[in-house]
Amino acid sequence: MTANQLLSEVMPRLVEYLRVVMKAEENVAHECAQQAFTDVFERIQKGKIKEKKYIFSYLLTATRNEFLRYSKHQHRFDTDSNAAYEQSEPAEQIKALMDKERMLLLEECLYELDSESRVFIRYLIENPGKSSKEYGKKFDMSEVNVRTKKSRIVSQLHFCYKRKSSE
């Protein structure tokens, strides 16, 4: 599949995702999707993304993260968030903004992980009640390896978060 085929097939979906799910304006959605596509395509060319079956998922995540970075940079929040901030007390508004800021930083850090680690940690986050044995079965590894991998990824995320929060 060539870049042009991939672009023509995937770009409308990425733009629509941002418009519907993230409530992005049309031009912002196009810009963010284009930038994310460029970034992902460069990573593919450099051999950092090898699994073809994860490309769309990776593009979707990259597009979402690009929009979140853009929103953070522009200090724009969707109208639902603004309404919640306006109705709450100032202390609650600050806490909500700080929580949103933390989540944006965490998303950026997740994006910096290699795709295998990102898939692994997202699965653990989305399935918190499972045991190391169950995670091991899912990822075909021992319980010890699951705990080790989780610990290493959490450590990477921790240092990335600290670095980004001090920028």
Protein backbone atom coordinates (compact mmCIF):
# COMPACT_ATOMS: atom_id res chain seq x y z
CA MET A 1 0.00 0.00 0.00
CA THR A 2 1.44 3.37 -0.97
CA ALA A 3 1.37 6.49 1.17
CA ASN A 4 -1.17 8.10 -1.16
CA GLN A 5 -3.52 5.11 -0.93
CA LEU A 6 -3.19 5.05 2.83
CA LEU A 7 -3.70 8.80 3.00
CA SER A 8 -6.84 8.81 0.84
CA GLU A 9 -8.32 5.87 2.73
CA VAL A 10 -7.49 6.87 6.29
CA MET A 11 -7.50 10.67 6.37
CA PRO A 12 -11.30 11.14 6.13
CA ARG A 13 -11.77 8.67 8.99
CA LEU A 14 -9.24 10.47 11.18
CA VAL A 15 -10.82 13.86 10.49
CA GLU A 16 -14.29 12.48 11.18
CA TYR A 17 -13.06 10.93 14.43
CA LEU A 18 -11.76 14.30 15.63
CA ARG A 19 -14.92 16.10 14.51
CA VAL A 20 -17.33 13.66 16.16
CA VAL A 21 -15.49 12.36 19.22
CA MET A 22 -13.26 15.31 20.10
CA LYS A 23 -15.62 18.02 18.78
CA ALA A 24 -12.83 19.57 16.72
CA GLU A 25 -13.44 22.28 14.17
CA GLU A 26 -13.09 21.17 10.54
CA ASN A 27 -9.82 22.97 9.79
CA VAL A 28 -8.26 21.97 13.13
CA ALA A 29 -9.26 18.33 12.55
CA HIS A 30 -7.59 18.38 9.11
CA GLU A 31 -4.40 19.97 10.47
CA CYS A 32 -4.09 17.58 13.40
CA ALA A 33 -4.86 14.51 11.28
CA GLN A 34 -2.31 15.60 8.66
CA GLN A 35 0.39 16.18 11.27
CA ALA A 36 -0.31 12.85 12.96
CA PHE A 37 -0.23 11.05 9.61
CA THR A 38 3.11 12.66 8.78
CA ASP A 39 4.57 11.68 12.16
CA VAL A 40 3.34 8.09 11.91
CA PHE A 41 4.50 7.76 8.30
CA GLU A 42 7.99 8.92 9.31
CA ARG A 43 8.03 6.34 12.12
CA ILE A 44 7.01 3.64 9.64
CA GLN A 45 9.80 4.66 7.27
CA LYS A 46 12.33 4.55 10.12
CA GLY A 47 11.19 1.03 10.98
CA LYS A 48 9.77 1.96 14.38
CA ILE A 49 6.32 0.63 13.48
CA LYS A 50 6.50 -2.85 12.04
CA GLU A 51 3.12 -4.45 12.71
CA LYS A 52 0.78 -3.59 9.84
CA LYS A 53 -2.28 -4.59 11.81
CA TYR A 54 -1.65 -1.79 14.36
CA ILE A 55 -1.16 1.07 11.89
CA PHE A 56 -4.73 2.37 11.98
CA SER A 57 -4.89 2.13 15.75
CA TYR A 58 -1.56 3.92 15.96
CA LEU A 59 -2.80 6.62 13.55
CA LEU A 60 -5.97 7.09 15.58
CA THR A 61 -4.02 7.46 18.82
CA ALA A 62 -1.50 9.80 17.21
CA THR A 63 -4.31 11.94 15.77
CA ARG A 64 -6.05 12.15 19.13
CA ASN A 65 -2.80 13.07 20.87
CA GLU A 66 -2.01 15.70 18.24
CA PHE A 67 -5.41 17.28 18.82
CA LEU A 68 -4.92 17.19 22.60
CA ARG A 69 -1.52 18.89 22.21
CA TYR A 70 -3.09 21.47 19.94
CA SER A 71 -5.93 22.09 22.40
CA LYS A 72 -3.50 22.42 25.27
CA HIS A 73 -1.38 24.84 23.29
CA GLN A 74 -4.37 26.94 22.24
CA HIS A 75 -5.97 26.72 25.70
CA ARG A 76 -9.22 25.62 24.11
CA PHE A 77 -11.54 23.25 25.89
CA ASP A 78 -14.74 21.81 24.54
CA THR A 79 -18.00 23.47 25.56
CA ASP A 80 -19.00 20.64 27.89
CA SER A 81 -15.83 21.12 29.91
CA ASN A 82 -16.31 24.89 30.00
CA ALA A 83 -19.85 24.50 31.27
CA ALA A 84 -18.64 22.21 34.04
CA TYR A 85 -15.92 24.71 35.01
CA GLU A 86 -18.35 27.64 35.04
CA GLN A 87 -20.81 25.86 37.34
CA SER A 88 -18.27 24.66 39.89
CA GLU A 89 -16.44 26.50 42.65
CA PRO A 90 -13.05 28.10 41.82
CA ALA A 91 -11.14 25.45 43.79
CA GLU A 92 -12.96 22.69 41.90
CA GLN A 93 -12.26 24.45 38.60
CA ILE A 94 -8.53 24.53 39.37
CA LYS A 95 -8.55 20.88 40.41
CA ALA A 96 -10.42 19.89 37.23
CA LEU A 97 -7.96 21.85 35.09
CA MET A 98 -5.01 20.24 36.88
CA ASP A 99 -6.51 16.76 36.42
CA LYS A 100 -7.05 17.47 32.71
CA GLU A 101 -3.47 18.75 32.44
CA ARG A 102 -2.15 15.59 34.10
CA MET A 103 -4.14 13.40 31.72
CA LEU A 104 -2.81 15.31 28.71
CA LEU A 105 0.75 14.80 29.94
CA LEU A 106 0.10 11.11 30.54
CA GLU A 107 -1.34 10.74 27.02
CA GLU A 108 1.77 12.40 25.60
CA CYS A 109 3.95 10.01 27.59
CA LEU A 110 1.94 7.00 26.42
CA TYR A 111 2.47 8.18 22.85
CA GLU A 112 6.25 8.15 23.43
CA LEU A 113 6.23 4.45 24.35
CA ASP A 114 6.87 1.87 21.66
CA SER A 115 3.66 0.33 20.30
CA GLU A 116 4.11 -3.00 22.12
CA SER A 117 4.51 -1.30 25.50
CA ARG A 118 1.59 1.04 24.79
CA VAL A 119 -0.72 -1.87 23.90
CA PHE A 120 0.43 -3.74 27.02
CA ILE A 121 -0.06 -0.87 29.50
CA ARG A 122 -3.36 0.25 27.96
CA TYR A 123 -4.68 -3.29 28.36
CA LEU A 124 -3.62 -3.31 32.02
CA ILE A 125 -5.24 0.09 32.60
CA GLU A 126 -8.47 -0.95 30.89
CA ASN A 127 -8.59 -4.30 32.75
CA PRO A 128 -7.51 -3.46 36.31
CA GLY A 129 -9.22 -6.41 38.02
CA LYS A 130 -7.23 -9.14 36.29
CA SER A 131 -4.36 -11.03 37.86
CA SER A 132 -0.77 -11.23 36.62
CA LYS A 133 -1.54 -14.78 35.56
CA GLU A 134 -4.42 -13.61 33.35
CA TYR A 135 -2.27 -10.82 31.86
CA GLY A 136 0.43 -13.44 31.23
CA LYS A 137 -1.98 -15.62 29.29
CA LYS A 138 -3.12 -12.65 27.21
CA PHE A 139 0.44 -11.61 26.31
CA ASP A 140 2.01 -15.09 26.35
CA MET A 141 4.48 -14.37 29.15
CA SER A 142 5.12 -15.48 32.70
CA GLU A 143 3.64 -13.71 35.71
CA VAL A 144 7.12 -12.50 36.67
CA ASN A 145 7.66 -11.04 33.20
CA VAL A 146 4.27 -9.31 33.38
CA ARG A 147 5.19 -7.66 36.69
CA THR A 148 8.67 -6.73 35.41
CA LYS A 149 7.33 -5.26 32.17
CA LYS A 150 4.60 -3.36 34.03
CA SER A 151 7.15 -1.97 36.48
CA ARG A 152 9.48 -0.83 33.70
CA ILE A 153 6.70 0.83 31.72
CA VAL A 154 5.32 2.57 34.81
CA SER A 155 8.84 3.80 35.57
CA GLN A 156 9.20 5.13 32.00
CA LEU A 157 5.86 6.89 32.27
CA HIS A 158 6.80 8.34 35.66
CA PHE A 159 10.06 9.85 34.38
CA CYS A 160 8.39 11.12 31.21
CA TYR A 161 5.60 12.71 33.26
CA LYS A 162 8.11 14.39 35.58
CA ARG A 163 10.10 15.69 32.59
CA LYS A 164 7.03 17.03 30.82
CA SER A 165 5.51 18.59 33.94
CA SER A 166 8.72 20.56 34.56
CA GLU A 167 8.87 21.91 30.99
